[in-house]
Amino acid sequence: MTVTDERNAMGEPPAEGDWQADLAGAVRSAAELCRAVRLPSDSAVDAGDWPVLVPRPYLSRIAPGDPRDPLLLQVLPRREEHESPPGFSSDPLGETAAAPVPGLLWKYRGRSLIVTTGSCGVHCRFCFRRHFPLPASPPKLAAIEPALQRVERERSIHEVVLSGGDPLTFDDDHFGRLVARVGEIFHLRRLRIHTRMPIAIPNRVTERLVETLRASRLTTLVVVHVNHPAEIDASVEAALGRLVNAGIPVLSQSVLLRDVNDNVETLADLFEWLVDLRVMPYYLHQLDHVAGAAHFEVPESRGRKLVESLRARLPGYAVPRYVQEVPGASSKVWLG
C-alpha cells in the first residue's frame, strides 16, 4: 500500500499534486486501454474526435478481461460511435443558441452556467459536450471574464454553476481565484460545482479545495456525476466524506445507460449507497441525443418502469428525479 492509499483509507486529505500526477498518467488511447484491462488488441476502436482519457484511479476499478464491464463501457470507444442515426446531433441541447457570450449558458431563470474549461478528469463516451466548442486548455481566468461580466450585469441571476469540461481540473490556486471572483458578484447567493473528479480522481478533493469552498460567502454545493456502484471505492468514499464533513452539501446526478445501469438492482444499490455516504441522489438523466452515443440510449418507457420499481424499494429521498433536458424548455422535463 502506498502512502496515498494509506491516507485515503484513513479519510485524510491527499497531498497537493497527487491528483495532478493521476491526471498526467491517464490512459490516452484505446489500444493502451485494452492492454491495461487485458482485452485483445482488436477490441480497440478509433476514438475519432473524442479522445480516450481514463485516469489510473478509475482504471483500477475496471474488471480485467471483461469486455462488458460497466465502467469500461463508459470509457472505451466502440464501433457504434461512428454510426449516425436520425435525431442525434453535435449540439443536442441547443447550447450554442443559449450562449449570450462565449462560455456562458443561460437557459433557466435565476441561474446560469459557465463552461470553465475543456479539460476533464475522464472522457465519458456519452458526453453531451463531446462536440461543443470547449475553451482551450490550460484555461485562463481572462477567458472566463466576459461571462462573469455578463452575470454581473444580470441581477436576476442568483446562482452560478461552474461546469466544463470539469472545473476541478483547475489547480487549487486557479480554482481559488475563480471562486473568489464569482463571490465578488454581489447579487449571487449560490455557487454550484458540477464535477466528476471526486469519482474519477478522488485525490482531487484536497484540504485546500475544501477550505476554498467553505470560505466562500456563497452557499456552495457540489454535484458529482456517478453512474454505477462499482465507481465507488474506499478512496471515493473518503473524498465525498471530506466534502460532507466540511458542511458542503453534495448531490449526485447519473445518466441512464444501456448495459451499464439499466436495471433496478444496479440503480437501487447505487442510490442507497450514495445516501449512506450522505450524498443525495438528485437527477437520473435520460440520455442526451449527442452524435456518437446512440448505443447508450435506454427507451424512456423502460426508464419510467425502473423509477417506479425504485420507488417501491427505496425511501423517497433516495430516488432521484428522472429528467430529460429539452432545448428551449424553461426547466428540465420530469419523466418520472
Protein backbone atom coordinates (compact mmCIF):
# COMPACT_ATOMS: atom_id res chain seq x y z
CA MET A 1 0.00 0.00 0.00
CA THR A 2 1.34 3.43 -0.98
CA VAL A 3 1.36 6.49 1.28
CA THR A 4 -1.52 7.91 -0.78
CA ASP A 5 -3.51 4.69 -0.37
CA GLU A 6 -2.96 4.83 3.39
CA ARG A 7 -4.17 8.44 3.56
CA ASN A 8 -7.27 7.58 1.53
CA ALA A 9 -8.04 4.56 3.70
CA MET A 10 -7.98 6.82 6.77
CA GLY A 11 -10.05 9.53 5.10
CA GLU A 12 -7.21 12.06 5.27
CA PRO A 13 -6.79 14.73 2.57
CA PRO A 14 -4.20 13.93 -0.09
CA ALA A 15 -1.03 15.93 -0.57
CA GLU A 16 -1.05 18.70 -3.15
CA GLY A 17 0.00 17.43 -6.56
CA ASP A 18 -1.07 13.78 -6.13
CA TRP A 19 -4.16 14.28 -8.25
CA GLN A 20 -2.23 16.09 -10.97
CA ALA A 21 0.07 13.08 -11.28
CA ASP A 22 -3.00 10.86 -11.57
CA LEU A 23 -4.31 13.03 -14.41
CA ALA A 24 -0.94 13.28 -16.15
CA GLY A 25 -0.58 9.49 -16.04
CA ALA A 26 -4.02 8.78 -17.53
CA VAL A 27 -4.51 6.27 -20.33
CA ARG A 28 -4.96 8.22 -23.57
CA SER A 29 -5.57 5.70 -26.33
CA ALA A 30 -7.95 2.83 -26.97
CA ALA A 31 -5.06 0.45 -27.61
CA GLU A 32 -3.42 1.34 -24.29
CA LEU A 33 -6.74 0.96 -22.50
CA CYS A 34 -7.27 -2.52 -23.96
CA ARG A 35 -3.77 -3.58 -22.89
CA ALA A 36 -4.37 -2.22 -19.38
CA VAL A 37 -7.59 -4.23 -18.92
CA ARG A 38 -6.23 -7.33 -20.68
CA LEU A 39 -8.50 -7.27 -23.70
CA PRO A 40 -7.47 -8.36 -27.22
CA SER A 41 -5.92 -5.62 -29.33
CA ASP A 42 -8.74 -5.91 -31.86
CA SER A 43 -11.10 -4.59 -29.17
CA ALA A 44 -9.57 -1.14 -29.70
CA VAL A 45 -11.57 1.15 -31.99
CA ASP A 46 -10.63 4.55 -33.38
CA ALA A 47 -11.77 7.20 -30.88
CA GLY A 48 -12.46 9.76 -33.58
CA ASP A 49 -12.68 13.38 -32.42
CA TRP A 50 -13.33 12.46 -28.76
CA PRO A 51 -10.01 11.11 -27.46
CA VAL A 52 -9.69 8.46 -24.78
CA LEU A 53 -8.86 9.72 -21.29
CA VAL A 54 -9.00 7.32 -18.34
CA PRO A 55 -7.10 8.15 -15.13
CA ARG A 56 -5.44 5.31 -13.26
CA PRO A 57 -7.68 5.53 -10.15
CA TYR A 58 -10.75 4.98 -12.33
CA LEU A 59 -8.96 2.33 -14.39
CA SER A 60 -8.19 0.35 -11.23
CA ARG A 61 -11.93 -0.27 -10.72
CA ILE A 62 -12.43 -1.89 -14.15
CA ALA A 63 -12.53 -5.71 -14.05
CA PRO A 64 -9.65 -7.09 -16.18
CA GLY A 65 -10.62 -9.26 -19.12
CA ASP A 66 -14.33 -8.34 -19.05
CA PRO A 67 -15.42 -6.55 -22.24
CA ARG A 68 -18.86 -5.90 -20.69
CA ASP A 69 -17.58 -4.29 -17.51
CA PRO A 70 -19.95 -1.34 -16.85
CA LEU A 71 -17.11 1.09 -16.17
CA LEU A 72 -15.20 0.02 -19.26
CA LEU A 73 -18.28 0.52 -21.44
CA GLN A 74 -18.38 4.16 -20.37
CA VAL A 75 -14.82 4.95 -21.50
CA LEU A 76 -13.85 2.55 -24.33
CA PRO A 77 -14.69 3.69 -27.88
CA ARG A 78 -16.97 1.33 -29.80
CA ARG A 79 -17.75 0.95 -33.48
CA GLU A 80 -21.29 2.20 -32.87
CA GLU A 81 -19.89 5.68 -32.17
CA HIS A 82 -19.27 6.09 -35.90
CA GLU A 83 -22.94 5.49 -36.76
CA SER A 84 -25.25 8.49 -37.22
CA PRO A 85 -28.89 7.59 -36.53
CA PRO A 86 -31.57 10.26 -37.09
CA GLY A 87 -32.22 12.60 -34.18
CA PHE A 88 -28.67 12.61 -32.83
CA SER A 89 -26.59 15.74 -33.34
CA SER A 90 -23.46 17.58 -32.27
CA ASP A 91 -25.46 20.08 -30.19
CA PRO A 92 -28.37 18.06 -28.78
CA LEU A 93 -29.32 20.62 -26.12
CA GLY A 94 -29.13 23.72 -28.30
CA GLU A 95 -26.38 25.15 -26.12
CA THR A 96 -24.86 27.22 -28.91
CA ALA A 97 -28.06 29.24 -29.13
CA ALA A 98 -28.20 29.59 -25.32
CA ALA A 99 -24.80 31.31 -25.06
CA PRO A 100 -25.18 35.13 -24.97
CA VAL A 101 -21.37 35.38 -24.69
CA PRO A 102 -18.78 32.61 -25.17
CA GLY A 103 -18.66 30.27 -22.19
CA LEU A 104 -21.92 31.41 -20.58
CA LEU A 105 -25.06 29.28 -20.89
CA TRP A 106 -28.24 30.96 -19.74
CA LYS A 107 -31.19 28.63 -20.16
CA TYR A 108 -33.09 28.80 -16.87
CA ARG A 109 -34.46 31.68 -14.85
CA GLY A 110 -32.35 32.79 -11.90
CA ARG A 111 -29.25 30.76 -12.69
CA SER A 112 -26.60 30.46 -15.35
CA LEU A 113 -23.79 28.06 -16.18
CA ILE A 114 -20.20 28.88 -17.02
CA VAL A 115 -18.26 26.45 -19.21
CA THR A 116 -14.96 26.99 -17.44
CA THR A 117 -12.62 24.65 -19.29
CA GLY A 118 -12.35 21.96 -21.92
CA SER A 119 -10.41 19.67 -19.57
CA CYS A 120 -11.96 16.65 -17.86
CA GLY A 121 -10.70 14.02 -15.47
CA VAL A 122 -12.21 11.24 -17.60
CA HIS A 123 -13.75 11.17 -21.06
CA CYS A 124 -17.16 9.53 -20.99
CA ARG A 125 -18.17 8.23 -24.41
CA PHE A 126 -21.75 9.53 -23.97
CA CYS A 127 -20.67 13.09 -23.09
CA PHE A 128 -23.22 15.57 -24.44
CA ARG A 129 -20.47 18.20 -24.88
CA ARG A 130 -18.08 15.98 -26.82
CA HIS A 131 -18.62 18.18 -29.90
CA PHE A 132 -19.12 21.50 -28.05
CA PRO A 133 -16.54 24.28 -28.73
CA LEU A 134 -14.95 24.00 -25.29
CA PRO A 135 -12.38 26.55 -24.08
CA ALA A 136 -8.74 25.81 -24.75
CA SER A 137 -6.68 24.13 -22.05
CA PRO A 138 -4.90 25.05 -19.90
CA PRO A 139 -7.58 27.66 -19.18
CA LYS A 140 -7.05 31.22 -18.06
CA LEU A 141 -9.37 33.30 -15.92
CA ALA A 142 -9.21 36.03 -18.55
CA ALA A 143 -11.08 33.72 -20.94
CA ILE A 144 -13.96 33.41 -18.46
CA GLU A 145 -14.09 37.10 -17.58
CA PRO A 146 -16.60 38.11 -20.32
CA ALA A 147 -19.04 35.51 -18.99
CA LEU A 148 -18.57 36.77 -15.44
CA GLN A 149 -19.10 40.36 -16.52
CA ARG A 150 -22.36 39.40 -18.20
CA VAL A 151 -23.51 37.69 -14.98
CA GLU A 152 -22.63 40.90 -13.10
CA ARG A 153 -24.99 42.87 -15.34
CA GLU A 154 -27.89 40.45 -14.82
CA ARG A 155 -29.15 40.96 -11.27
CA SER A 156 -31.87 38.35 -11.75
CA ILE A 157 -29.17 35.63 -11.64
CA HIS A 158 -28.77 34.32 -8.09
CA GLU A 159 -26.82 31.13 -8.77
CA VAL A 160 -23.84 30.26 -10.96
CA VAL A 161 -22.98 26.72 -11.98
CA LEU A 162 -19.32 26.02 -12.79
CA SER A 163 -19.10 23.24 -15.36
CA GLY A 164 -16.99 22.33 -18.36
CA GLY A 165 -15.18 20.09 -19.01
CA ASP A 166 -14.63 19.89 -15.29
CA PRO A 167 -13.84 22.95 -13.15
CA LEU A 168 -11.92 20.80 -10.67
CA THR A 169 -9.23 20.16 -13.28
CA PHE A 170 -8.04 23.66 -12.29
CA ASP A 171 -5.27 23.58 -9.72
CA ASP A 172 -6.09 24.90 -6.27
CA ASP A 173 -4.62 28.36 -6.93
CA HIS A 174 -6.57 28.85 -10.15
CA PHE A 175 -9.78 27.42 -8.70
CA GLY A 176 -9.48 29.59 -5.61
CA ARG A 177 -9.15 32.73 -7.71
CA LEU A 178 -12.19 31.71 -9.75
CA VAL A 179 -14.34 31.11 -6.66
CA ALA A 180 -13.21 34.42 -5.19
CA ARG A 181 -14.06 36.24 -8.43
CA VAL A 182 -17.54 34.71 -8.53
CA GLY A 183 -18.03 35.71 -4.90
CA GLU A 184 -17.42 39.35 -5.84
CA ILE A 185 -20.69 39.43 -7.79
CA PHE A 186 -22.88 40.89 -5.06
CA HIS A 187 -26.29 39.63 -6.25
CA LEU A 188 -25.19 35.97 -6.38
CA ARG A 189 -26.27 33.77 -3.48
CA ARG A 190 -25.25 30.26 -4.51
CA LEU A 191 -22.37 28.56 -6.28
CA ARG A 192 -22.77 25.07 -7.71
CA ILE A 193 -19.84 22.91 -8.86
CA HIS A 194 -20.59 20.17 -11.40
CA THR A 195 -17.76 17.65 -11.36
CA ARG A 196 -16.76 14.05 -11.94
CA MET A 197 -13.33 14.49 -10.38
CA PRO A 198 -14.16 13.08 -6.90
CA ILE A 199 -15.23 9.91 -8.75
CA ALA A 200 -12.52 9.78 -11.44
CA ILE A 201 -9.61 11.09 -9.34
CA PRO A 202 -10.61 11.17 -5.65
CA ASN A 203 -7.29 12.73 -4.64
CA ARG A 204 -8.54 15.97 -6.20
CA VAL A 205 -10.53 16.67 -3.03
CA THR A 206 -7.63 18.31 -1.22
CA GLU A 207 -7.75 20.09 2.11
CA ARG A 208 -7.18 23.38 0.30
CA LEU A 209 -10.06 22.74 -2.10
CA VAL A 210 -12.40 22.07 0.81
CA GLU A 211 -11.27 25.24 2.57
CA THR A 212 -11.80 27.28 -0.60
CA LEU A 213 -15.39 26.07 -0.83
CA ARG A 214 -16.03 26.64 2.87
CA ALA A 215 -14.54 30.13 2.82
CA SER A 216 -16.79 31.46 0.07
CA ARG A 217 -19.56 33.82 1.18
CA LEU A 218 -21.81 31.96 -1.27
CA THR A 219 -23.80 28.87 -0.35
CA THR A 220 -21.75 26.25 -2.17
CA LEU A 221 -23.00 22.89 -3.42
CA VAL A 222 -21.10 20.13 -5.18
CA VAL A 223 -22.88 17.88 -7.69
CA VAL A 224 -20.93 14.74 -8.61
CA HIS A 225 -21.57 12.53 -11.63
CA VAL A 226 -21.68 8.81 -10.82
CA ASN A 227 -23.42 6.08 -12.83
CA HIS A 228 -22.61 2.72 -11.24
CA PRO A 229 -21.83 1.43 -7.73
CA ALA A 230 -18.53 -0.03 -8.97
CA GLU A 231 -17.33 3.54 -9.47
CA ILE A 232 -17.31 3.98 -5.69
CA ASP A 233 -14.39 2.55 -3.76
CA ALA A 234 -12.78 3.47 -0.43
CA SER A 235 -10.93 6.44 -1.93
CA VAL A 236 -14.14 7.84 -3.44
CA GLU A 237 -15.94 7.35 -0.13
CA ALA A 238 -13.17 9.27 1.63
CA ALA A 239 -13.24 12.10 -0.92
CA LEU A 240 -17.01 12.52 -0.64
CA GLY A 241 -16.73 12.33 3.15
CA ARG A 242 -14.21 15.18 3.23
CA LEU A 243 -16.72 17.42 1.46
CA VAL A 244 -19.73 16.38 3.53
CA ASN A 245 -17.83 16.54 6.83
CA ALA A 246 -16.90 20.12 5.98
CA GLY A 247 -20.58 21.04 5.76
CA ILE A 248 -20.67 21.22 1.95
CA PRO A 249 -23.89 19.73 0.54
CA VAL A 250 -23.14 17.02 -2.04
CA LEU A 251 -25.68 15.77 -4.56
CA SER A 252 -25.34 13.25 -7.35
CA GLN A 253 -26.54 13.01 -10.92
CA SER A 254 -26.47 9.92 -13.11
CA VAL A 255 -27.21 9.11 -16.73
CA LEU A 256 -29.37 6.11 -17.58
CA LEU A 257 -27.13 4.00 -19.85
CA ARG A 258 -27.83 0.79 -21.73
CA ASP A 259 -25.86 -2.20 -20.42
CA VAL A 260 -24.31 -0.02 -17.70
CA ASN A 261 -27.06 0.74 -15.17
CA ASP A 262 -30.40 -0.03 -16.89
CA ASN A 263 -31.63 -2.46 -14.25
CA VAL A 264 -33.27 -1.81 -10.91
CA GLU A 265 -30.72 -3.74 -8.84
CA THR A 266 -27.80 -1.61 -10.04
CA LEU A 267 -29.65 1.68 -9.63
CA ALA A 268 -31.02 0.74 -6.19
CA ASP A 269 -27.55 -0.26 -5.00
CA LEU A 270 -26.08 2.98 -6.33
CA PHE A 271 -28.64 5.35 -4.83
CA GLU A 272 -28.83 3.59 -1.47
CA TRP A 273 -25.04 3.59 -1.20
CA LEU A 274 -24.90 7.29 -2.03
CA VAL A 275 -27.44 8.06 0.69
CA ASP A 276 -25.35 6.04 3.15
CA LEU A 277 -22.44 8.32 2.19
CA ARG A 278 -24.70 11.37 2.84
CA VAL A 279 -24.84 12.21 -0.87
CA MET A 280 -28.36 12.98 -2.07
CA PRO A 281 -29.45 11.47 -5.43
CA TYR A 282 -30.54 14.50 -7.45
CA TYR A 283 -31.13 13.62 -11.12
CA LEU A 284 -31.31 10.49 -13.23
CA HIS A 285 -30.92 11.80 -16.78
CA GLN A 286 -32.38 10.36 -19.93
CA LEU A 287 -29.53 10.20 -22.44
CA ASP A 288 -28.95 13.41 -24.39
CA HIS A 289 -29.06 12.75 -28.15
CA VAL A 290 -25.45 13.58 -28.90
CA ALA A 291 -23.88 12.16 -32.06
CA GLY A 292 -21.84 9.07 -31.24
CA ALA A 293 -23.81 7.97 -28.17
CA ALA A 294 -27.00 6.40 -29.59
CA HIS A 295 -25.92 2.92 -28.50
CA PHE A 296 -26.23 4.02 -24.86
CA GLU A 297 -29.90 5.01 -25.12
CA VAL A 298 -32.48 3.29 -22.92
CA PRO A 299 -36.12 3.67 -24.03
CA GLU A 300 -37.99 6.21 -21.95
CA SER A 301 -40.72 3.65 -21.24
CA ARG A 302 -38.13 1.39 -19.62
CA GLY A 303 -36.73 4.29 -17.63
CA ARG A 304 -40.18 5.06 -16.22
CA LYS A 305 -40.64 1.44 -15.13
CA LEU A 306 -37.23 1.45 -13.47
CA VAL A 307 -38.11 4.57 -11.48
CA GLU A 308 -41.45 3.04 -10.44
CA SER A 309 -39.57 -0.02 -9.19
CA LEU A 310 -37.08 2.17 -7.32
CA ARG A 311 -39.92 3.96 -5.54
CA ALA A 312 -41.23 0.60 -4.36
CA ARG A 313 -37.82 -0.38 -2.98
CA LEU A 314 -36.23 2.78 -1.61
CA PRO A 315 -37.25 5.66 0.66
CA GLY A 316 -38.43 8.66 -1.32
CA TYR A 317 -35.34 10.75 -0.60
CA ALA A 318 -33.15 8.06 -2.22
CA VAL A 319 -34.94 8.17 -5.59
CA PRO A 320 -33.67 10.90 -7.92
CA ARG A 321 -35.90 12.77 -10.35
CA TYR A 322 -35.94 11.13 -13.75
CA VAL A 323 -35.48 14.02 -16.17
CA GLN A 324 -34.68 14.99 -19.72
CA GLU A 325 -33.22 18.25 -20.94
CA VAL A 326 -35.18 19.68 -23.86
CA PRO A 327 -33.78 22.58 -25.92
CA GLY A 328 -35.74 25.75 -25.31
CA ALA A 329 -37.64 24.44 -22.26
CA SER A 330 -37.75 26.68 -19.19
CA SER A 331 -36.60 23.80 -16.97
CA LYS A 332 -35.72 20.13 -17.16
CA VAL A 333 -38.67 17.96 -18.13
CA TRP A 334 -39.72 15.44 -15.49
CA LEU A 335 -40.19 11.94 -16.88
CA GLY A 336 -40.91 10.20 -13.63
